[in-house]
Amino acid sequence: MSVPGQSPFSGVTDQMRDRAVAHLQAMYANNSINERELDRRLDLALGARDRLELNRSLAGLARLAPVVLTPRAPGQASPVENVGSGLVHLSALVSSFIGPAIVKAATKPGSHLWWEAGRAMSLQLTFLVVGIVASVLSWITGLDFLMFLAWAAWAGSTIWASVRAFNGQKSTGMLEPALIARPQIPRPGITR
């Protein structure tokens, strides 16, 4: 790739040569090239008269990217937080709202995991109420399939919410307005 205004046949500066030598040394340190290949390429780089010859000393070598941690966008959850969120929802399969309530109490208010634990707890409390209503209705009407429908809806929505949480999405999605005890923004006075 040429720089605008410069010909590939223009002269090589010391800075260009030093950068090529440093790259070759990094490739050798990374075990991408052996000592013999390093010597051959260094001879080409140090003897280069123009940019075209200098580029030939680097031909076929991958570019080394610096190892740095890239910052996340504000509000974006890390993969670890996504796994934690999904596990909080799955814990509700064996503990109903108790598992999410414990996680919500143990995490920092306002954190991603705190929000997801609140959503999981809200979902479980909503389905607890739905289960009680379905139980009473099935007892009064004798329609036992209402309990099965409530149970299937609970299991399906719990798994659906956990999959969404594992993928880093808002777990309850469009169901959130219909849930009881939705998580609220933490008050500024509460700190841990």
C-alpha atoms as a PDB file:
ATOM      1  CA  MET A   1       0.000   0.000   0.000  1.00  0.00           C
ATOM      2  CA  SER A   2       1.518   3.275  -1.001  1.00  0.00           C
ATOM      3  CA  VAL A   3       1.310   6.548   0.820  1.00  0.00           C
ATOM      4  CA  PRO A   4      -0.376   9.327  -1.184  1.00  0.00           C
ATOM      5  CA  GLY A   5       2.213  11.547  -2.785  1.00  0.00           C
ATOM      6  CA  GLN A   6       5.025   8.975  -2.473  1.00  0.00           C
ATOM      7  CA  SER A   7       6.223   6.593  -5.107  1.00  0.00           C
ATOM      8  CA  PRO A   8       7.066   2.996  -4.177  1.00  0.00           C
ATOM      9  CA  PHE A   9      10.427   3.757  -5.785  1.00  0.00           C
ATOM     10  CA  SER A  10      11.224   6.661  -3.462  1.00  0.00           C
ATOM     11  CA  GLY A  11      14.097   6.347  -1.043  1.00  0.00           C
ATOM     12  CA  VAL A  12      13.984   4.504   2.246  1.00  0.00           C
ATOM     13  CA  THR A  13      14.347   6.532   5.428  1.00  0.00           C
ATOM     14  CA  ASP A  14      16.099   5.254   8.523  1.00  0.00           C
ATOM     15  CA  GLN A  15      12.757   5.260  10.326  1.00  0.00           C
ATOM     16  CA  MET A  16      11.227   2.946   7.684  1.00  0.00           C
ATOM     17  CA  ARG A  17      14.219   0.633   7.819  1.00  0.00           C
ATOM     18  CA  ASP A  18      14.142   0.529  11.643  1.00  0.00           C
ATOM     19  CA  ARG A  19      10.441  -0.300  11.613  1.00  0.00           C
ATOM     20  CA  ALA A  20      11.027  -3.178   9.151  1.00  0.00           C
ATOM     21  CA  VAL A  21      13.923  -4.519  11.237  1.00  0.00           C
ATOM     22  CA  ALA A  22      11.824  -4.310  14.417  1.00  0.00           C
ATOM     23  CA  HIS A  23       9.012  -6.204  12.697  1.00  0.00           C
ATOM     24  CA  LEU A  24      11.403  -8.917  11.517  1.00  0.00           C
ATOM     25  CA  GLN A  25      12.843  -9.237  15.026  1.00  0.00           C
ATOM     26  CA  ALA A  26       9.330  -9.517  16.466  1.00  0.00           C
ATOM     27  CA  MET A  27       8.499 -12.251  13.955  1.00  0.00           C
ATOM     28  CA  TYR A  28      11.668 -14.110  14.955  1.00  0.00           C
ATOM     29  CA  ALA A  29      10.824 -13.721  18.663  1.00  0.00           C
ATOM     30  CA  ASN A  30       7.338 -15.035  17.890  1.00  0.00           C
ATOM     31  CA  ASN A  31       8.867 -18.116  16.162  1.00  0.00           C
ATOM     32  CA  SER A  32       7.225 -17.134  12.884  1.00  0.00           C
ATOM     33  CA  ILE A  33      10.585 -17.238  11.084  1.00  0.00           C
ATOM     34  CA  ASN A  34      13.796 -19.082  11.876  1.00  0.00           C
ATOM     35  CA  GLU A  35      17.274 -17.591  12.304  1.00  0.00           C
ATOM     36  CA  ARG A  36      18.308 -18.276   8.737  1.00  0.00           C
ATOM     37  CA  GLU A  37      15.166 -16.577   7.372  1.00  0.00           C
ATOM     38  CA  LEU A  38      15.735 -13.659   9.761  1.00  0.00           C
ATOM     39  CA  ASP A  39      19.288 -13.154   8.449  1.00  0.00           C
ATOM     40  CA  ARG A  40      18.131 -13.309   4.823  1.00  0.00           C
ATOM     41  CA  ARG A  41      15.314 -10.828   5.389  1.00  0.00           C
ATOM     42  CA  LEU A  42      17.506  -8.492   7.463  1.00  0.00           C
ATOM     43  CA  ASP A  43      20.027  -8.386   4.609  1.00  0.00           C
ATOM     44  CA  LEU A  44      17.207  -7.445   2.229  1.00  0.00           C
ATOM     45  CA  ALA A  45      15.852  -4.776   4.601  1.00  0.00           C
ATOM     46  CA  LEU A  46      19.225  -3.210   5.386  1.00  0.00           C
ATOM     47  CA  GLY A  47      20.268  -3.212   1.725  1.00  0.00           C
ATOM     48  CA  ALA A  48      16.967  -1.830   0.408  1.00  0.00           C
ATOM     49  CA  ARG A  49      17.347   1.270  -1.783  1.00  0.00           C
ATOM     50  CA  ASP A  50      13.638   1.994  -2.210  1.00  0.00           C
ATOM     51  CA  ARG A  51      10.317   1.089  -0.599  1.00  0.00           C
ATOM     52  CA  LEU A  52       9.667  -1.687  -3.085  1.00  0.00           C
ATOM     53  CA  GLU A  53      12.832  -3.532  -2.038  1.00  0.00           C
ATOM     54  CA  LEU A  54      12.049  -2.893   1.625  1.00  0.00           C
ATOM     55  CA  ASN A  55       8.579  -4.391   1.163  1.00  0.00           C
ATOM     56  CA  ARG A  56      10.142  -7.497  -0.403  1.00  0.00           C
ATOM     57  CA  SER A  57      11.970  -8.123   2.877  1.00  0.00           C
ATOM     58  CA  LEU A  58       8.581  -8.323   4.607  1.00  0.00           C
ATOM     59  CA  ALA A  59       6.713 -10.247   1.891  1.00  0.00           C
ATOM     60  CA  GLY A  60       4.581 -13.118   3.151  1.00  0.00           C
ATOM     61  CA  LEU A  61       4.794 -12.190   6.817  1.00  0.00           C
ATOM     62  CA  ALA A  62       1.687 -11.636   8.863  1.00  0.00           C
ATOM     63  CA  ARG A  63       1.302  -8.358  10.626  1.00  0.00           C
ATOM     64  CA  LEU A  64       1.544  -8.629  14.403  1.00  0.00           C
ATOM     65  CA  ALA A  65      -1.255  -6.874  16.223  1.00  0.00           C
ATOM     66  CA  PRO A  66      -0.464  -5.521  19.666  1.00  0.00           C
ATOM     67  CA  VAL A  67      -2.011  -7.452  22.510  1.00  0.00           C
ATOM     68  CA  VAL A  68      -4.226  -4.958  24.281  1.00  0.00           C
ATOM     69  CA  LEU A  69      -7.538  -5.141  26.007  1.00  0.00           C
ATOM     70  CA  THR A  70     -10.128  -3.267  24.042  1.00  0.00           C
ATOM     71  CA  PRO A  71     -12.545  -1.376  26.236  1.00  0.00           C
ATOM     72  CA  ARG A  72     -16.219  -2.272  26.080  1.00  0.00           C
ATOM     73  CA  ALA A  73     -18.837   0.238  25.093  1.00  0.00           C
ATOM     74  CA  PRO A  74     -20.700   1.718  28.068  1.00  0.00           C
ATOM     75  CA  GLY A  75     -23.554  -0.548  29.107  1.00  0.00           C
ATOM     76  CA  GLN A  76     -22.208  -3.515  27.157  1.00  0.00           C
ATOM     77  CA  ALA A  77     -21.868  -6.673  29.236  1.00  0.00           C
ATOM     78  CA  SER A  78     -18.749  -8.816  29.184  1.00  0.00           C
ATOM     79  CA  PRO A  79     -18.983 -12.493  28.204  1.00  0.00           C
ATOM     80  CA  VAL A  80     -18.501 -13.471  31.859  1.00  0.00           C
ATOM     81  CA  GLU A  81     -21.438 -11.293  32.889  1.00  0.00           C
ATOM     82  CA  ASN A  82     -23.550 -12.851  30.131  1.00  0.00           C
ATOM     83  CA  VAL A  83     -22.771 -16.351  31.405  1.00  0.00           C
ATOM     84  CA  GLY A  84     -23.576 -15.272  34.963  1.00  0.00           C
ATOM     85  CA  SER A  85     -26.865 -13.777  33.803  1.00  0.00           C
ATOM     86  CA  GLY A  86     -27.845 -16.937  31.965  1.00  0.00           C
ATOM     87  CA  LEU A  87     -26.970 -19.090  34.968  1.00  0.00           C
ATOM     88  CA  VAL A  88     -29.080 -16.884  37.246  1.00  0.00           C
ATOM     89  CA  HIS A  89     -32.083 -17.562  35.027  1.00  0.00           C
ATOM     90  CA  LEU A  90     -31.337 -21.288  34.886  1.00  0.00           C
ATOM     91  CA  SER A  91     -31.017 -21.421  38.683  1.00  0.00           C
ATOM     92  CA  ALA A  92     -34.704 -20.500  38.812  1.00  0.00           C
ATOM     93  CA  LEU A  93     -35.566 -23.896  37.321  1.00  0.00           C
ATOM     94  CA  VAL A  94     -34.642 -25.487  40.659  1.00  0.00           C
ATOM     95  CA  SER A  95     -35.134 -22.618  43.094  1.00  0.00           C
ATOM     96  CA  SER A  96     -37.918 -20.445  41.615  1.00  0.00           C
ATOM     97  CA  PHE A  97     -37.346 -16.835  42.686  1.00  0.00           C
ATOM     98  CA  ILE A  98     -34.991 -17.663  45.593  1.00  0.00           C
ATOM     99  CA  GLY A  99     -31.823 -18.149  43.489  1.00  0.00           C
ATOM    100  CA  PRO A 100     -32.228 -14.870  41.589  1.00  0.00           C
ATOM    101  CA  ALA A 101     -33.101 -13.068  44.857  1.00  0.00           C
ATOM    102  CA  ILE A 102     -29.870 -14.273  46.472  1.00  0.00           C
ATOM    103  CA  VAL A 103     -27.813 -13.207  43.450  1.00  0.00           C
ATOM    104  CA  LYS A 104     -29.510  -9.801  43.356  1.00  0.00           C
ATOM    105  CA  ALA A 105     -28.795  -9.277  47.056  1.00  0.00           C
ATOM    106  CA  ALA A 106     -25.148 -10.303  46.629  1.00  0.00           C
ATOM    107  CA  THR A 107     -24.282  -8.196  43.576  1.00  0.00           C
ATOM    108  CA  LYS A 108     -23.524  -4.508  43.239  1.00  0.00           C
ATOM    109  CA  PRO A 109     -26.668  -2.437  42.588  1.00  0.00           C
ATOM    110  CA  GLY A 110     -26.803  -1.220  39.017  1.00  0.00           C
ATOM    111  CA  SER A 111     -24.410  -3.852  37.636  1.00  0.00           C
ATOM    112  CA  HIS A 112     -25.413  -5.978  34.660  1.00  0.00           C
ATOM    113  CA  LEU A 113     -25.767  -9.081  36.818  1.00  0.00           C
ATOM    114  CA  TRP A 114     -27.902  -7.147  39.335  1.00  0.00           C
ATOM    115  CA  TRP A 115     -30.321  -6.109  36.568  1.00  0.00           C
ATOM    116  CA  GLU A 116     -30.562  -9.637  35.169  1.00  0.00           C
ATOM    117  CA  ALA A 117     -31.071 -11.146  38.630  1.00  0.00           C
ATOM    118  CA  GLY A 118     -33.882  -8.634  39.133  1.00  0.00           C
ATOM    119  CA  ARG A 119     -35.433  -9.582  35.810  1.00  0.00           C
ATOM    120  CA  ALA A 120     -35.137 -13.284  36.651  1.00  0.00           C
ATOM    121  CA  MET A 121     -36.709 -12.734  40.066  1.00  0.00           C
ATOM    122  CA  SER A 122     -39.518 -10.683  38.507  1.00  0.00           C
ATOM    123  CA  LEU A 123     -40.184 -13.384  35.918  1.00  0.00           C
ATOM    124  CA  GLN A 124     -40.324 -16.083  38.596  1.00  0.00           C
ATOM    125  CA  LEU A 125     -42.631 -14.065  40.864  1.00  0.00           C
ATOM    126  CA  THR A 126     -44.936 -13.393  37.920  1.00  0.00           C
ATOM    127  CA  PHE A 127     -45.137 -17.082  37.084  1.00  0.00           C
ATOM    128  CA  LEU A 128     -45.640 -17.943  40.754  1.00  0.00           C
ATOM    129  CA  VAL A 129     -48.764 -15.751  40.692  1.00  0.00           C
ATOM    130  CA  VAL A 130     -49.815 -17.268  37.334  1.00  0.00           C
ATOM    131  CA  GLY A 131     -49.346 -20.751  38.824  1.00  0.00           C
ATOM    132  CA  ILE A 132     -51.463 -19.927  41.869  1.00  0.00           C
ATOM    133  CA  VAL A 133     -54.220 -18.459  39.684  1.00  0.00           C
ATOM    134  CA  ALA A 134     -54.082 -21.483  37.337  1.00  0.00           C
ATOM    135  CA  SER A 135     -54.207 -23.826  40.327  1.00  0.00           C
ATOM    136  CA  VAL A 136     -57.294 -22.138  41.755  1.00  0.00           C
ATOM    137  CA  LEU A 137     -58.994 -22.007  38.340  1.00  0.00           C
ATOM    138  CA  SER A 138     -58.247 -25.663  37.606  1.00  0.00           C
ATOM    139  CA  TRP A 139     -59.583 -26.645  41.054  1.00  0.00           C
ATOM    140  CA  ILE A 140     -62.778 -24.608  40.554  1.00  0.00           C
ATOM    141  CA  THR A 141     -63.424 -25.590  36.933  1.00  0.00           C
ATOM    142  CA  GLY A 142     -61.930 -29.067  36.957  1.00  0.00           C
ATOM    143  CA  LEU A 143     -59.763 -28.218  33.920  1.00  0.00           C
ATOM    144  CA  ASP A 144     -56.471 -29.828  34.911  1.00  0.00           C
ATOM    145  CA  PHE A 145     -54.717 -28.804  31.707  1.00  0.00           C
ATOM    146  CA  LEU A 146     -54.561 -25.196  33.007  1.00  0.00           C
ATOM    147  CA  MET A 147     -51.872 -26.251  35.484  1.00  0.00           C
ATOM    148  CA  PHE A 148     -49.950 -27.969  32.707  1.00  0.00           C
ATOM    149  CA  LEU A 149     -50.186 -24.841  30.525  1.00  0.00           C
ATOM    150  CA  ALA A 150     -48.937 -22.657  33.391  1.00  0.00           C
ATOM    151  CA  TRP A 151     -46.060 -25.055  34.086  1.00  0.00           C
ATOM    152  CA  ALA A 152     -45.097 -25.264  30.389  1.00  0.00           C
ATOM    153  CA  ALA A 153     -45.219 -21.467  30.040  1.00  0.00           C
ATOM    154  CA  TRP A 154     -43.028 -21.093  33.149  1.00  0.00           C
ATOM    155  CA  ALA A 155     -40.414 -23.613  31.969  1.00  0.00           C
ATOM    156  CA  GLY A 156     -40.388 -22.276  28.411  1.00  0.00           C
ATOM    157  CA  SER A 157     -40.093 -18.631  29.412  1.00  0.00           C
ATOM    158  CA  THR A 158     -37.370 -19.379  31.979  1.00  0.00           C
ATOM    159  CA  ILE A 159     -35.284 -21.177  29.355  1.00  0.00           C
ATOM    160  CA  TRP A 160     -36.070 -18.471  26.757  1.00  0.00           C
ATOM    161  CA  ALA A 161     -34.944 -15.740  29.177  1.00  0.00           C
ATOM    162  CA  SER A 162     -31.743 -17.621  30.020  1.00  0.00           C
ATOM    163  CA  VAL A 163     -30.854 -18.017  26.337  1.00  0.00           C
ATOM    164  CA  ARG A 164     -31.398 -14.280  25.800  1.00  0.00           C
ATOM    165  CA  ALA A 165     -29.253 -13.518  28.864  1.00  0.00           C
ATOM    166  CA  PHE A 166     -26.472 -15.832  27.646  1.00  0.00           C
ATOM    167  CA  ASN A 167     -26.498 -13.873  24.364  1.00  0.00           C
ATOM    168  CA  GLY A 168     -26.159 -10.533  26.150  1.00  0.00           C
ATOM    169  CA  GLN A 169     -29.692  -9.366  25.392  1.00  0.00           C
ATOM    170  CA  LYS A 170     -32.241  -7.990  27.835  1.00  0.00           C
ATOM    171  CA  SER A 171     -33.558 -11.327  29.096  1.00  0.00           C
ATOM    172  CA  THR A 172     -37.230 -10.541  29.515  1.00  0.00           C
ATOM    173  CA  GLY A 173     -37.439  -8.472  26.338  1.00  0.00           C
ATOM    174  CA  MET A 174     -40.959  -7.429  25.409  1.00  0.00           C
ATOM    175  CA  LEU A 175     -42.451  -9.329  28.378  1.00  0.00           C
ATOM    176  CA  GLU A 176     -40.961  -6.893  30.879  1.00  0.00           C
ATOM    177  CA  PRO A 177     -43.950  -4.501  31.017  1.00  0.00           C
ATOM    178  CA  ALA A 178     -46.219  -7.445  31.939  1.00  0.00           C
ATOM    179  CA  LEU A 179     -44.037  -8.637  34.829  1.00  0.00           C
ATOM    180  CA  ILE A 180     -44.705  -7.855  38.464  1.00  0.00           C
ATOM    181  CA  ALA A 181     -41.914  -6.556  40.732  1.00  0.00           C
ATOM    182  CA  ARG A 182     -39.773  -5.302  37.825  1.00  0.00           C
ATOM    183  CA  PRO A 183     -36.275  -4.160  38.817  1.00  0.00           C
ATOM    184  CA  GLN A 184     -36.053  -0.446  39.536  1.00  0.00           C
ATOM    185  CA  ILE A 185     -33.098   1.909  39.179  1.00  0.00           C
ATOM    186  CA  PRO A 186     -31.115   1.712  42.437  1.00  0.00           C
ATOM    187  CA  ARG A 187     -31.330   4.688  44.758  1.00  0.00           C
ATOM    188  CA  PRO A 188     -28.143   6.797  44.901  1.00  0.00           C
ATOM    189  CA  GLY A 189     -27.825   6.384  48.668  1.00  0.00           C
ATOM    190  CA  ILE A 190     -27.367   2.616  48.484  1.00  0.00           C
ATOM    191  CA  THR A 191     -23.734   1.557  48.022  1.00  0.00           C
ATOM    192  CA  ARG A 192     -21.736  -1.562  48.642  1.00  0.00           C
END
